[in-house]
C-alpha atoms as a PDB file:
ATOM      1  CA  MET A   1      13.863   4.433  10.101  1.00  0.00           C
ATOM      2  CA  GLY A   2      14.687   7.596  12.038  1.00  0.00           C
ATOM      3  CA  PHE A   3      14.132   7.380  15.754  1.00  0.00           C
ATOM      4  CA  PHE A   4      13.651  11.108  16.313  1.00  0.00           C
ATOM      5  CA  ARG A   5      11.138  11.929  13.580  1.00  0.00           C
ATOM      6  CA  ARG A   6       7.513  12.195  14.633  1.00  0.00           C
ATOM      7  CA  THR A   7       6.180  11.045  11.274  1.00  0.00           C
ATOM      8  CA  GLU A   8       7.094   8.142   9.063  1.00  0.00           C
ATOM      9  CA  THR A   9       8.192   8.110   5.444  1.00  0.00           C
ATOM     10  CA  ARG A  10       7.276   6.004   2.424  1.00  0.00           C
ATOM     11  CA  SER A  11      10.468   4.026   3.112  1.00  0.00           C
ATOM     12  CA  ASP A  12       9.369   3.346   6.718  1.00  0.00           C
ATOM     13  CA  ASP A  13       5.993   2.156   5.449  1.00  0.00           C
ATOM     14  CA  ASN A  14       7.587  -0.099   2.820  1.00  0.00           C
ATOM     15  CA  ASP A  15      10.006  -1.565   5.378  1.00  0.00           C
ATOM     16  CA  ARG A  16       7.146  -2.337   7.775  1.00  0.00           C
ATOM     17  CA  THR A  17       5.133  -3.965   4.998  1.00  0.00           C
ATOM     18  CA  ARG A  18       8.110  -6.122   4.002  1.00  0.00           C
ATOM     19  CA  ARG A  19       8.648  -7.215   7.627  1.00  0.00           C
ATOM     20  CA  LEU A  20       4.946  -8.033   7.961  1.00  0.00           C
ATOM     21  CA  LEU A  21       5.004 -10.173   4.810  1.00  0.00           C
ATOM     22  CA  ASP A  22       8.171 -11.964   5.965  1.00  0.00           C
ATOM     23  CA  ALA A  23       6.629 -12.640   9.378  1.00  0.00           C
ATOM     24  CA  GLY A  24       3.493 -13.974   7.688  1.00  0.00           C
ATOM     25  CA  ASP A  25       5.579 -16.346   5.579  1.00  0.00           C
ATOM     26  CA  THR A  26       7.374 -17.603   8.682  1.00  0.00           C
ATOM     27  CA  ALA A  27       4.210 -17.953  10.762  1.00  0.00           C
ATOM     28  CA  PHE A  28       2.421 -19.985   8.116  1.00  0.00           C
ATOM     29  CA  GLU A  29       5.240 -22.277   6.914  1.00  0.00           C
ATOM     30  CA  THR A  30       3.146 -25.317   7.774  1.00  0.00           C
ATOM     31  CA  GLU A  31       0.088 -26.425   5.824  1.00  0.00           C
ATOM     32  CA  ASP A  32      -2.270 -23.485   5.460  1.00  0.00           C
ATOM     33  CA  SER A  33      -5.471 -23.423   7.446  1.00  0.00           C
ATOM     34  CA  ASP A  34      -8.500 -21.575   6.109  1.00  0.00           C
ATOM     35  CA  PHE A  35      -7.678 -18.713   8.486  1.00  0.00           C
ATOM     36  CA  ALA A  36      -4.065 -18.503   7.316  1.00  0.00           C
ATOM     37  CA  GLU A  37      -5.158 -18.426   3.685  1.00  0.00           C
ATOM     38  CA  VAL A  38      -7.477 -15.475   4.353  1.00  0.00           C
ATOM     39  CA  VAL A  39      -4.783 -13.573   6.268  1.00  0.00           C
ATOM     40  CA  MET A  40      -2.146 -14.146   3.609  1.00  0.00           C
ATOM     41  CA  GLU A  41      -4.550 -13.192   0.808  1.00  0.00           C
ATOM     42  CA  GLY A  42      -5.101  -9.875   2.574  1.00  0.00           C
ATOM     43  CA  LEU A  43      -1.369  -9.308   3.017  1.00  0.00           C
ATOM     44  CA  TRP A  44      -0.583 -10.097  -0.604  1.00  0.00           C
ATOM     45  CA  SER A  45      -3.357  -7.975  -2.048  1.00  0.00           C
ATOM     46  CA  ASP A  46      -2.142  -5.893  -4.956  1.00  0.00           C
ATOM     47  CA  VAL A  47      -4.960  -3.389  -4.578  1.00  0.00           C
ATOM     48  CA  THR A  48      -3.666   0.042  -3.589  1.00  0.00           C
ATOM     49  CA  THR A  49      -5.034   3.528  -3.600  1.00  0.00           C
ATOM     50  CA  ASP A  50      -3.439   6.050  -5.863  1.00  0.00           C
ATOM     51  CA  PRO A  51      -1.967   8.262  -4.604  1.00  0.00           C
ATOM     52  CA  TYR A  52      -0.951   6.706  -1.304  1.00  0.00           C
ATOM     53  CA  PRO A  53      -1.466   8.057   1.259  1.00  0.00           C
ATOM     54  CA  ALA A  54      -4.769   9.515   0.194  1.00  0.00           C
ATOM     55  CA  ALA A  55      -5.181  13.286  -0.112  1.00  0.00           C
ATOM     56  CA  GLY A  56      -5.494  14.928   3.285  1.00  0.00           C
ATOM     57  CA  HIS A  57      -3.753  12.024   5.021  1.00  0.00           C
ATOM     58  CA  ASN A  58      -0.153  11.306   5.868  1.00  0.00           C
ATOM     59  CA  TYR A  59       1.933   8.443   7.148  1.00  0.00           C
ATOM     60  CA  PRO A  60       1.316   7.508  10.807  1.00  0.00           C
ATOM     61  CA  ARG A  61       2.643   9.647  13.638  1.00  0.00           C
ATOM     62  CA  ARG A  62       5.007   8.140  16.125  1.00  0.00           C
ATOM     63  CA  ASP A  63       3.699   8.577  19.640  1.00  0.00           C
END
């Protein structure tokens, strides 16, 4: 992740997603509640748009 770029790359996005999934695993190591199951189902969704990001959009800006 570059600290001086104003936009992010596919690699930045993938790294953030991986960290989010790892944090979700850690947060819900105990028996899953109904809420935790819904959150984790959303995180593990294999539904993506193709191409990503969608036409006319880009990765987030860093402000």
